[in-house]
Structure formats: C-alpha cells, structure tokens
Amino acid sequence: MSKIFHYHDTISGMPNLSKHVARNLLFLLHASTTERVKDIIDAAIKLSQQRGSRIFLVGGTVRDLLLKLKPRDFDFIIDNDPKDFIDDLCPKLRANRAYYSQFKTSTITIDGLRFDFARARTEIYDKPGVLPRIHDASVEEDLYRRDFSINSIALELTDPKKPCLLDPTGGLTDIANKVVRILHSRSFLDDPTRILRAIRYEQRLKFTINTNTRDLLLQAVKAQTLSTVSGDRIRNEIDLIMDEPERASIFLRASRLGVLCSLHSSLSCGDWVKSLKKTGEDKLTYISTIAYKLSSNETDSFISMINAPKDWAKVLKDMSYLSQKETTLNALSLKPIEIYLILKNRSIHSLNAFKHSTNLKTTRKNICLYLDKYRHIHPSINGDRLKNLGVPEGPDIQIVLKEILAGRLNGTISTLPEEIQLAQAYLKSQKRT
C-alpha cells in the first residue's frame, strides 16, 4: 500500500520552500495561478464531489508547484470516465474539448492553457517503442507506471479542506535532492522517448540523472532502442526540446551521451548544437539549425526519418544548402548581385540561423547585407513594360531584369527612368550585334 502524506507533514522537510508556503500545497496552487485557472479547478472539484468520485492533481503540475515554478499545464487523475466528466464540465466553462479514447484522456483548452483529465490506468507495452495498451487501475498503480519519480506525485483535491499527497515512489525526496530517476529497469526499453525526456527534465530543472538511471539510459542508447520509435514521436520530442529555454544544453547533453548519434548518424557533430544559444526566439529558426553542415542526402534522410512537415523540411533543406555555400559566400570579391542570387528564395529562418552558425566573418557579413538590405531591393520595371519597350520575350527579358537588379543593388541605378535607360541601351547593343 502506498503511503499517504499530509501536505504539512511532507513539505516541511523540503529545503527550498518557505515555511508559510509549506503549510499548504493547495494554497501554493491558488497563489501561482490566475483567477480563470482557479475557477476551472474549483469547477472540476465541485463536479467530482457531485459525482462522488476522487480527483487528483498529478505529475509535472505538482512537481513544478513544489519547485515554486509556474505550471505549464494542468494534469488530473479521476476515478471515472473522463469523457463523461468533460462533457459535464465543459458547458460550465465554455471550453474547447477533445477525447483520446486510446489513452482514456480528455483535454480542454482555455485561453491557451491545457487541462488533461485522465482515468487512472496502467500500461502494458507489447514491444519496445510502440504505444502501450491501457487498463483501468487505482491511483497508486497509475503513479507507479509513470516515467520518473518526480512526476509520480499526486495531490488529492477531492476535499480541498483536507488535501493530501500520494508519493509512493519517493518523488519528494528526489525533488529535494534534485535527481531524475526512472521507476523500473525496463522504463527506457518500453518507451525510448523517455531517454530524451530524462535529459530535458535534467537540463530544464537543473537536476542530475542519477547513476542507475544514467546506466540504464546508456544501455538503451547502445541497444538502438530509439530506432523502434516512430518518426512522428521523435519529431514531437524534438519539438518539445525546441520550446525549452535550455534547448542548447539539452542537445549538448544528448550529444555527449550518444543519443543524437543514435537518432541519426549525421547528428553526431556538435557545431549546430552550440549555435542554438545564438539564434532568436523563432522555433523554425532553431529547427533549421539542425541541418548546419549536413549534406543534401543527410538532410533528406533526416527529414524522412522524422516525417518532417513541409515547413520543417523547407528550413532544413535551406540550411543544408546554405552551409554548402559557406565558403563561396566568404569571398571578398563577391558582387551584390552574386550574393543576392545565392541567397534568394531561402527561408528567413534558415538565413538567420546560418548567420549565427557560421564562423566565417565575410560570410556572416554577406548574410547580414542580404537580410538587412539586398532582399528588400527590387526593380520598379516589370516584364510587360520591357516588352512594350521592345525587349523580346524570352531570355532577353530576364537578362535585362538581372542587369537592372544588379544596378539597383550596387547603387548605380535608383529610379525608373534609369531602368528604362538601361533597357534601351541593351536594345541598342543587341541591334549592333
């Protein structure tokens, strides 16, 4: 039987929480959330009471509250059907909802916040890397099936006057000691995405993966367990990492543990990881950085492996192309039109990431010139106007437009009359030949 800890009995031993906060985790929950979130939680508690059922706040939400962090989302366990529960709850909240029958989980989204209500369950993995089969279970059993001890703590809210904690796996101790620990020896084999999650939590929370967990992680990496996971699930984990402020540290740690190379052999190089610290706040910019120094074939293979959507594929391919042009762009003799033609039609996300990734000063300077100046310059005249001036259809139109653009870029042309004058000069030269 799991041990039930009353809040004031457990948190008083937590060194990082002040005494007045330690009196009540429920108070901490209310103190760190908006009125809207409080209303949603109160409505869920009230509905549970009306149904005569139990409701628990669980997982990362409890972990973050214990660490005095603002919860990113809100996860609940209930001991009845989550679809019926949400069907009754949503009309009171005017919220969007979704039901995932495979996981017996209902989700509502309000003001960009996600609230998950799941039936307490156990999971059975038929083979590594596949999604598990789900069976109803007790709350205590549900906590034992989770990924890490720090995510296996539940706060019962059924009676808000008497909140209590369930901590059957020692999560409170691990939070106090800043440790990431799996719950059983097959954890990484059953779900290899936990390898990436362990590193993500370690770096985000400034914790340490404990020795036994690290040994089992390395064994799972050596056994190539990540190759059993679908590309969509791997891409989702990469996407989650890119959302993290510590994304660079996460990827560096993954690289040092051999995880990146296990995912795809082309990711063994660490150059692109270091540049994540320099790039901006746009996720596609971060994603494009992965393809720095990758060949076209390596990039195509990676895109296929993660089943990348079109926007990911575009920025990854553009970054691969740019890295192959890195030396060419470093030439001092490049003319503005040559820089323009090399870089045109490339994603702004990839260009920004490349600017921060390259160590070649002239290359970086030319990228900046294109981003800040050249890409905004265009001829005023168009092909129809050139035809009216007598320029033949076909290659001649493109030749004249390119010469006009070159003049605009280097500053020798700045007005429409000057563009017309150049076109007329071209026609005269053609007649002479």
Protein backbone atom coordinates (compact mmCIF):
# COMPACT_ATOMS: atom_id res chain seq x y z
CA MET A 1 0.00 0.00 0.00
CA SER A 2 1.31 3.46 -0.84
CA LYS A 3 1.98 5.89 1.92
CA ILE A 4 -0.28 8.94 2.07
CA PHE A 5 1.44 12.11 3.28
CA HIS A 6 -0.48 15.11 4.52
CA TYR A 7 0.89 18.26 2.97
CA HIS A 8 2.19 19.92 6.13
CA ASP A 9 3.96 16.69 7.14
CA THR A 10 5.91 16.30 3.90
CA ILE A 11 6.74 19.75 2.63
CA SER A 12 8.14 20.96 5.94
CA GLY A 13 11.20 18.86 5.10
CA MET A 14 11.69 20.45 1.70
CA PRO A 15 14.67 22.83 1.98
CA ASN A 16 13.68 25.09 -0.90
CA LEU A 17 10.19 26.05 0.26
CA SER A 18 9.49 28.75 2.84
CA LYS A 19 7.52 27.80 5.94
CA HIS A 20 4.38 29.77 5.10
CA VAL A 21 4.14 28.13 1.64
CA ALA A 22 4.91 24.71 3.14
CA ARG A 23 1.66 24.75 5.14
CA ASN A 24 -0.50 24.03 2.18
CA LEU A 25 0.24 22.96 -1.38
CA LEU A 26 -3.28 23.88 -2.35
CA PHE A 27 -2.56 27.44 -1.25
CA LEU A 28 0.53 27.40 -3.44
CA LEU A 29 -1.58 26.21 -6.37
CA HIS A 30 -4.02 29.09 -5.95
CA ALA A 31 -1.24 31.59 -5.35
CA SER A 32 0.53 30.77 -8.61
CA THR A 33 -2.44 30.67 -10.98
CA THR A 34 -4.91 33.13 -12.47
CA GLU A 35 -8.50 33.56 -11.40
CA ARG A 36 -9.57 31.77 -14.57
CA VAL A 37 -7.47 28.71 -13.70
CA LYS A 38 -8.78 28.74 -10.14
CA ASP A 39 -12.35 28.77 -11.46
CA ILE A 40 -11.63 25.78 -13.72
CA ILE A 41 -10.03 23.77 -10.91
CA ASP A 42 -12.84 24.67 -8.50
CA ALA A 43 -15.44 23.63 -11.08
CA ALA A 44 -13.67 20.28 -11.58
CA ILE A 45 -13.52 19.68 -7.82
CA LYS A 46 -17.19 20.55 -7.42
CA LEU A 47 -18.18 18.20 -10.23
CA SER A 48 -16.14 15.38 -8.65
CA GLN A 49 -17.91 15.93 -5.37
CA GLN A 50 -21.31 15.84 -7.09
CA ARG A 51 -20.34 12.57 -8.76
CA GLY A 52 -18.99 11.08 -5.55
CA SER A 53 -15.61 10.49 -7.19
CA ARG A 54 -12.00 11.40 -6.41
CA ILE A 55 -9.83 13.90 -8.26
CA PHE A 56 -6.06 14.37 -8.08
CA LEU A 57 -3.68 16.95 -9.45
CA VAL A 58 -0.70 14.96 -10.66
CA GLY A 59 2.61 14.80 -12.48
CA GLY A 60 4.53 17.81 -13.72
CA THR A 61 1.98 20.22 -12.29
CA VAL A 62 2.67 19.06 -8.72
CA ARG A 63 6.41 18.87 -9.40
CA ASP A 64 6.54 22.46 -10.63
CA LEU A 65 4.50 23.74 -7.70
CA LEU A 66 6.88 22.06 -5.28
CA LEU A 67 9.76 23.79 -7.07
CA LYS A 68 7.94 27.14 -6.95
CA LEU A 69 7.65 27.15 -10.75
CA LYS A 70 4.58 28.26 -12.64
CA PRO A 71 2.83 25.15 -14.01
CA ARG A 72 2.93 24.83 -17.79
CA ASP A 73 -0.24 22.75 -17.89
CA PHE A 74 -2.59 21.01 -15.51
CA ASP A 75 -2.90 17.22 -15.31
CA PHE A 76 -5.63 15.49 -13.32
CA ILE A 77 -6.44 11.87 -12.50
CA ILE A 78 -10.06 10.94 -11.90
CA ASP A 79 -11.54 7.58 -10.99
CA ASN A 80 -14.38 7.62 -13.52
CA ASP A 81 -14.90 8.06 -17.25
CA PRO A 82 -13.06 11.22 -18.40
CA LYS A 83 -15.28 11.71 -21.45
CA ASP A 84 -18.46 11.88 -19.37
CA PHE A 85 -16.66 14.08 -16.86
CA ILE A 86 -15.58 16.61 -19.51
CA ASP A 87 -18.99 16.51 -21.18
CA ASP A 88 -20.47 17.68 -17.88
CA LEU A 89 -17.66 20.14 -17.13
CA CYS A 90 -17.30 21.96 -20.45
CA PRO A 91 -20.75 23.60 -20.66
CA LYS A 92 -19.95 25.34 -17.40
CA LEU A 93 -16.61 26.63 -18.77
CA ARG A 94 -17.32 27.31 -22.45
CA ALA A 95 -14.13 25.46 -23.38
CA ASN A 96 -12.88 23.51 -26.39
CA ARG A 97 -12.51 19.83 -25.67
CA ALA A 98 -11.07 16.65 -27.15
CA TYR A 99 -11.23 13.00 -26.12
CA TYR A 100 -8.46 10.46 -26.75
CA SER A 101 -10.01 7.04 -26.28
CA GLN A 102 -6.71 5.18 -26.71
CA PHE A 103 -5.35 6.84 -23.56
CA LYS A 104 -8.67 7.40 -21.76
CA THR A 105 -7.86 11.08 -21.56
CA SER A 106 -9.97 14.18 -22.13
CA THR A 107 -8.44 17.59 -22.76
CA ILE A 108 -9.90 21.05 -22.52
CA THR A 109 -8.15 24.17 -23.74
CA ILE A 110 -8.97 27.59 -22.37
CA ASP A 111 -7.04 30.79 -23.05
CA GLY A 112 -4.11 28.77 -24.38
CA LEU A 113 -3.91 26.62 -21.24
CA ARG A 114 -4.32 22.85 -21.39
CA PHE A 115 -6.13 20.78 -18.78
CA ASP A 116 -5.89 16.98 -19.08
CA PHE A 117 -8.29 14.69 -17.24
CA ALA A 118 -7.24 11.03 -17.39
CA ARG A 119 -8.66 7.83 -15.97
CA ALA A 120 -6.23 6.23 -13.53
CA ARG A 121 -4.57 3.49 -15.56
CA THR A 122 -1.78 1.03 -16.03
CA GLU A 123 0.15 0.49 -19.28
CA ILE A 124 1.30 -2.72 -20.94
CA TYR A 125 3.99 -2.50 -23.63
CA ASP A 126 3.85 -5.41 -26.07
CA LYS A 127 7.22 -4.46 -27.58
CA PRO A 128 9.73 -1.59 -27.32
CA GLY A 129 8.84 1.72 -28.92
CA VAL A 130 5.15 1.06 -29.55
CA LEU A 131 2.32 2.81 -27.74
CA PRO A 132 1.02 0.82 -24.76
CA ARG A 133 -2.27 -0.89 -24.12
CA ILE A 134 -4.26 0.84 -21.39
CA HIS A 135 -6.16 -0.72 -18.47
CA ASP A 136 -8.10 0.89 -15.62
CA ALA A 137 -6.24 0.92 -12.32
CA SER A 138 -6.00 2.58 -8.93
CA VAL A 139 -4.41 5.98 -8.50
CA GLU A 140 -1.46 4.37 -6.73
CA GLU A 141 -0.91 1.97 -9.65
CA ASP A 142 -1.14 4.89 -12.05
CA LEU A 143 1.67 6.68 -10.23
CA TYR A 144 3.90 3.59 -10.41
CA ARG A 145 3.55 3.34 -14.22
CA ARG A 146 4.86 6.87 -14.86
CA ASP A 147 8.20 7.89 -16.33
CA PHE A 148 10.11 9.44 -13.40
CA SER A 149 9.65 9.64 -9.66
CA ILE A 150 9.49 13.46 -9.78
CA ASN A 151 6.39 13.12 -12.00
CA SER A 152 4.75 10.47 -9.81
CA ILE A 153 3.35 12.64 -7.04
CA ALA A 154 -0.38 13.31 -6.72
CA LEU A 155 -2.28 15.91 -4.72
CA GLU A 156 -5.81 14.80 -3.88
CA LEU A 157 -8.27 17.66 -4.21
CA THR A 158 -11.49 15.76 -3.54
CA ASP A 159 -11.89 17.64 -0.25
CA PRO A 160 -9.95 20.93 -0.56
CA LYS A 161 -10.10 21.32 3.23
CA LYS A 162 -8.02 18.17 3.62
CA PRO A 163 -5.59 17.96 0.69
CA CYS A 164 -3.11 15.11 0.88
CA LEU A 165 -0.17 13.90 -1.14
CA LEU A 166 0.42 10.46 -2.59
CA ASP A 167 4.11 9.79 -3.12
CA PRO A 168 4.61 6.03 -3.49
CA THR A 169 7.84 6.27 -5.48
CA GLY A 170 9.87 8.75 -3.40
CA GLY A 171 9.42 11.69 -5.72
CA LEU A 172 9.54 14.25 -2.91
CA THR A 173 12.97 13.04 -1.86
CA ASP A 174 14.22 13.16 -5.45
CA ILE A 175 12.91 16.69 -5.88
CA ALA A 176 14.67 17.72 -2.69
CA ASN A 177 17.89 16.08 -3.94
CA LYS A 178 17.44 17.40 -7.50
CA VAL A 179 17.51 13.94 -9.03
CA VAL A 180 15.88 12.47 -12.15
CA ARG A 181 15.17 8.76 -11.56
CA ILE A 182 13.20 6.20 -13.55
CA LEU A 183 10.85 3.84 -11.73
CA HIS A 184 11.80 0.45 -13.17
CA SER A 185 14.63 -1.14 -15.12
CA ARG A 186 12.68 -1.54 -18.40
CA SER A 187 11.45 2.05 -18.49
CA PHE A 188 13.71 3.20 -21.36
CA LEU A 189 13.12 -0.04 -23.25
CA ASP A 190 9.34 0.21 -23.02
CA ASP A 191 9.30 3.85 -24.09
CA PRO A 192 12.62 5.07 -25.53
CA THR A 193 11.31 8.65 -25.80
CA ARG A 194 11.92 8.76 -22.05
CA ILE A 195 15.62 8.98 -22.93
CA LEU A 196 15.06 12.43 -24.41
CA ARG A 197 12.61 13.36 -21.67
CA ALA A 198 15.09 12.48 -18.92
CA ILE A 199 17.65 14.82 -20.46
CA ARG A 200 15.04 17.54 -20.99
CA TYR A 201 13.95 17.48 -17.34
CA GLU A 202 17.54 17.29 -16.12
CA GLN A 203 18.57 20.42 -18.01
CA ARG A 204 15.37 22.39 -17.53
CA LEU A 205 15.22 21.83 -13.77
CA LYS A 206 18.99 21.87 -13.19
CA PHE A 207 18.74 18.34 -11.78
CA THR A 208 21.05 15.36 -12.28
CA ILE A 209 20.15 12.00 -13.80
CA ASN A 210 21.03 9.54 -11.05
CA THR A 211 23.71 6.89 -11.63
CA ASN A 212 21.43 3.87 -12.11
CA THR A 213 19.13 5.79 -14.43
CA ARG A 214 22.11 7.03 -16.46
CA ASP A 215 23.48 3.48 -16.78
CA LEU A 216 20.12 2.17 -18.00
CA LEU A 217 19.81 5.13 -20.39
CA LEU A 218 23.21 4.37 -21.92
CA GLN A 219 22.30 0.69 -22.27
CA ALA A 220 19.11 1.66 -24.09
CA VAL A 221 21.03 4.02 -26.38
CA LYS A 222 23.59 1.31 -27.16
CA ALA A 223 20.76 -1.10 -27.95
CA GLN A 224 19.42 1.39 -30.55
CA THR A 225 16.00 1.46 -28.87
CA LEU A 226 15.20 4.87 -30.36
CA SER A 227 15.07 3.22 -33.78
CA THR A 228 11.90 1.42 -32.64
CA VAL A 229 10.04 4.73 -32.16
CA SER A 230 8.01 6.29 -34.96
CA GLY A 231 9.33 9.39 -36.69
CA ASP A 232 6.31 11.38 -35.59
CA ARG A 233 7.04 10.68 -31.91
CA ILE A 234 10.73 11.55 -32.33
CA ARG A 235 9.77 14.79 -34.08
CA ASN A 236 7.39 15.61 -31.23
CA GLU A 237 10.21 15.21 -28.70
CA ILE A 238 12.47 17.47 -30.80
CA ASP A 239 9.64 19.98 -30.99
CA LEU A 240 9.27 19.95 -27.20
CA ILE A 241 13.01 20.45 -26.75
CA MET A 242 12.94 23.44 -29.11
CA ASP A 243 10.35 25.02 -26.79
CA GLU A 244 12.78 24.87 -23.88
CA PRO A 245 14.93 27.88 -22.92
CA GLU A 246 17.71 25.35 -22.21
CA ARG A 247 17.43 23.75 -25.68
CA ALA A 248 21.15 24.11 -26.36
CA SER A 249 22.11 22.42 -23.09
CA ILE A 250 19.61 19.63 -23.74
CA PHE A 251 21.03 18.87 -27.18
CA LEU A 252 24.62 19.14 -25.96
CA ARG A 253 23.91 16.68 -23.16
CA ALA A 254 22.14 14.37 -25.61
CA SER A 255 25.13 14.59 -27.94
CA ARG A 256 27.60 13.71 -25.18
CA LEU A 257 25.50 10.72 -24.13
CA GLY A 258 25.44 9.43 -27.70
CA VAL A 259 21.70 9.99 -28.04
CA LEU A 260 21.83 12.26 -31.08
CA CYS A 261 24.08 9.89 -33.00
CA SER A 262 21.69 7.08 -32.08
CA LEU A 263 18.80 9.08 -33.52
CA HIS A 264 20.60 9.77 -36.79
CA SER A 265 24.29 9.34 -37.60
CA SER A 266 24.51 12.82 -39.17
CA LEU A 267 23.67 14.45 -35.82
CA SER A 268 26.90 13.38 -34.15
CA CYS A 269 28.54 16.73 -34.94
CA GLY A 270 28.08 19.31 -32.18
CA ASP A 271 28.57 22.54 -34.16
CA TRP A 272 24.88 23.09 -34.83
CA VAL A 273 24.02 22.46 -31.17
CA LYS A 274 26.29 25.25 -29.92
CA SER A 275 24.72 27.75 -32.31
CA LEU A 276 21.30 27.25 -30.69
CA LYS A 277 22.39 29.65 -27.96
CA LYS A 278 22.83 32.45 -30.51
CA THR A 279 19.67 32.19 -32.55
CA GLY A 280 16.46 34.15 -32.00
CA GLU A 281 13.18 33.13 -30.47
CA ASP A 282 11.52 31.59 -33.55
CA LYS A 283 11.14 27.81 -33.40
CA LEU A 284 11.70 27.26 -37.14
CA THR A 285 14.99 29.11 -36.79
CA TYR A 286 16.05 26.66 -34.10
CA ILE A 287 14.87 23.69 -36.15
CA SER A 288 16.77 24.81 -39.25
CA THR A 289 20.00 24.88 -37.25
CA ILE A 290 19.97 21.07 -37.09
CA ALA A 291 20.93 20.86 -40.78
CA TYR A 292 24.02 23.06 -40.46
CA LYS A 293 26.93 21.12 -42.02
CA LEU A 294 24.64 18.33 -43.22
CA SER A 295 24.85 17.23 -46.84
CA SER A 296 21.77 17.19 -49.04
CA ASN A 297 21.49 13.42 -48.71
CA GLU A 298 21.89 13.52 -44.93
CA THR A 299 19.26 16.23 -44.67
CA ASP A 300 16.81 14.32 -46.85
CA SER A 301 17.39 11.21 -44.76
CA PHE A 302 16.76 13.09 -41.52
CA ILE A 303 13.62 14.73 -42.92
CA SER A 304 12.32 11.31 -43.94
CA MET A 305 13.23 9.76 -40.59
CA ILE A 306 11.21 12.27 -38.55
CA ASN A 307 8.44 12.54 -41.16
CA ALA A 308 9.00 16.30 -41.18
CA PRO A 309 6.12 18.59 -42.20
CA LYS A 310 6.62 20.99 -45.12
CA ASP A 311 7.74 23.97 -43.05
CA TRP A 312 10.36 21.89 -41.23
CA ALA A 313 11.57 20.32 -44.47
CA LYS A 314 11.90 23.74 -46.13
CA VAL A 315 14.08 25.30 -43.43
CA LEU A 316 16.20 22.15 -43.03
CA LYS A 317 16.90 21.91 -46.76
CA ASP A 318 17.68 25.61 -46.97
CA MET A 319 20.14 25.38 -44.08
CA SER A 320 21.87 22.43 -45.73
CA TYR A 321 22.13 24.44 -48.97
CA LEU A 322 23.50 27.49 -47.13
CA SER A 323 26.13 25.51 -45.26
CA GLN A 324 27.33 24.12 -48.58
CA LYS A 325 27.67 27.72 -49.84
CA GLU A 326 29.54 28.85 -46.73
CA THR A 327 32.98 29.06 -48.37
CA THR A 328 31.64 30.64 -51.55
CA LEU A 329 29.96 33.37 -49.52
CA ASN A 330 33.25 34.10 -47.75
CA ALA A 331 34.87 35.53 -50.90
CA LEU A 332 35.65 39.26 -50.63
CA SER A 333 35.21 39.65 -54.39
CA LEU A 334 31.51 38.73 -54.43
CA LYS A 335 29.30 41.34 -56.05
CA PRO A 336 25.94 42.29 -54.51
CA ILE A 337 24.05 40.58 -57.34
CA GLU A 338 26.02 37.38 -56.77
CA ILE A 339 25.16 37.40 -53.06
CA TYR A 340 21.53 38.07 -53.93
CA LEU A 341 21.29 35.21 -56.41
CA ILE A 342 22.88 32.73 -54.00
CA LEU A 343 20.53 33.62 -51.16
CA LYS A 344 17.23 34.49 -52.84
CA ASN A 345 14.22 32.29 -52.08
CA ARG A 346 15.88 30.88 -48.98
CA SER A 347 13.91 30.86 -45.75
CA ILE A 348 14.45 33.81 -43.43
CA HIS A 349 14.52 31.30 -40.57
CA SER A 350 17.41 29.41 -42.17
CA LEU A 351 19.26 32.61 -43.07
CA ASN A 352 19.04 33.90 -39.51
CA ALA A 353 20.21 30.57 -38.09
CA PHE A 354 23.04 30.38 -40.63
CA LYS A 355 24.16 33.91 -39.74
CA HIS A 356 24.67 32.76 -36.14
CA SER A 357 26.10 29.36 -37.07
CA THR A 358 28.95 30.33 -39.39
CA ASN A 359 32.35 31.29 -38.03
CA LEU A 360 33.41 32.94 -41.31
CA LYS A 361 33.30 36.74 -40.91
CA THR A 362 32.80 37.64 -44.55
CA THR A 363 30.09 35.01 -44.93
CA ARG A 364 28.28 36.43 -41.91
CA LYS A 365 28.70 39.96 -43.27
CA ASN A 366 27.22 38.98 -46.64
CA ILE A 367 24.29 37.23 -44.98
CA CYS A 368 23.61 40.37 -42.94
CA LEU A 369 23.80 42.54 -46.07
CA TYR A 370 21.23 40.34 -47.75
CA LEU A 371 18.92 40.21 -44.72
CA ASP A 372 19.14 43.90 -43.90
CA LYS A 373 19.37 45.42 -47.38
CA TYR A 374 19.56 43.35 -50.56
CA ARG A 375 16.41 41.26 -50.12
CA HIS A 376 14.31 44.44 -49.94
CA ILE A 377 15.57 45.78 -53.29
CA HIS A 378 13.61 45.10 -56.49
CA PRO A 379 13.36 46.64 -59.97
CA SER A 380 10.47 49.05 -60.49
CA ILE A 381 10.01 47.91 -64.07
CA ASN A 382 8.46 44.55 -64.98
CA GLY A 383 8.49 42.18 -67.93
CA ASP A 384 5.38 43.64 -69.60
CA ARG A 385 6.86 47.13 -69.53
CA LEU A 386 10.08 45.81 -71.04
CA LYS A 387 8.13 44.13 -73.84
CA ASN A 388 6.42 47.45 -74.55
CA LEU A 389 9.86 49.00 -74.86
CA GLY A 390 10.76 46.41 -77.48
CA VAL A 391 12.69 43.85 -75.46
CA PRO A 392 11.94 40.42 -76.99
CA GLU A 393 10.14 37.81 -74.90
CA GLY A 394 12.29 35.01 -73.50
CA PRO A 395 15.86 35.16 -72.18
CA ASP A 396 16.31 38.83 -73.09
CA ILE A 397 13.69 39.89 -70.54
CA GLN A 398 15.49 38.00 -67.78
CA ILE A 399 18.89 39.38 -68.82
CA VAL A 400 17.64 42.97 -68.66
CA LEU A 401 15.85 42.46 -65.33
CA LYS A 402 19.02 40.93 -63.88
CA GLU A 403 21.14 43.88 -65.08
CA ILE A 404 18.62 46.35 -63.61
CA LEU A 405 18.60 44.47 -60.30
CA ALA A 406 22.40 44.45 -60.27
CA GLY A 407 22.39 48.22 -60.78
CA ARG A 408 19.85 48.68 -58.01
CA LEU A 409 21.92 46.54 -55.63
CA ASN A 410 25.23 48.28 -56.28
CA GLY A 411 23.65 51.74 -56.31
CA THR A 412 24.27 52.73 -59.94
CA ILE A 413 20.51 52.70 -60.61
CA SER A 414 17.94 54.26 -58.30
CA THR A 415 14.99 55.43 -60.45
CA LEU A 416 12.56 54.07 -63.04
CA PRO A 417 13.90 56.37 -65.82
CA GLU A 418 17.37 54.92 -65.19
CA GLU A 419 15.95 51.41 -65.51
CA ILE A 420 14.32 52.37 -68.84
CA GLN A 421 17.58 53.89 -69.99
CA LEU A 422 19.44 50.65 -69.24
CA ALA A 423 16.83 48.63 -71.15
CA GLN A 424 17.14 50.94 -74.17
CA ALA A 425 20.93 50.66 -74.05
CA TYR A 426 20.57 46.89 -74.05
CA LEU A 427 18.34 47.03 -77.15
CA LYS A 428 20.87 49.19 -78.98
CA SER A 429 23.69 46.80 -78.11
CA GLN A 430 21.64 43.89 -79.42
CA LYS A 431 20.97 45.68 -82.73
CA ARG A 432 24.68 46.32 -83.20
CA THR A 433 25.37 42.60 -82.82
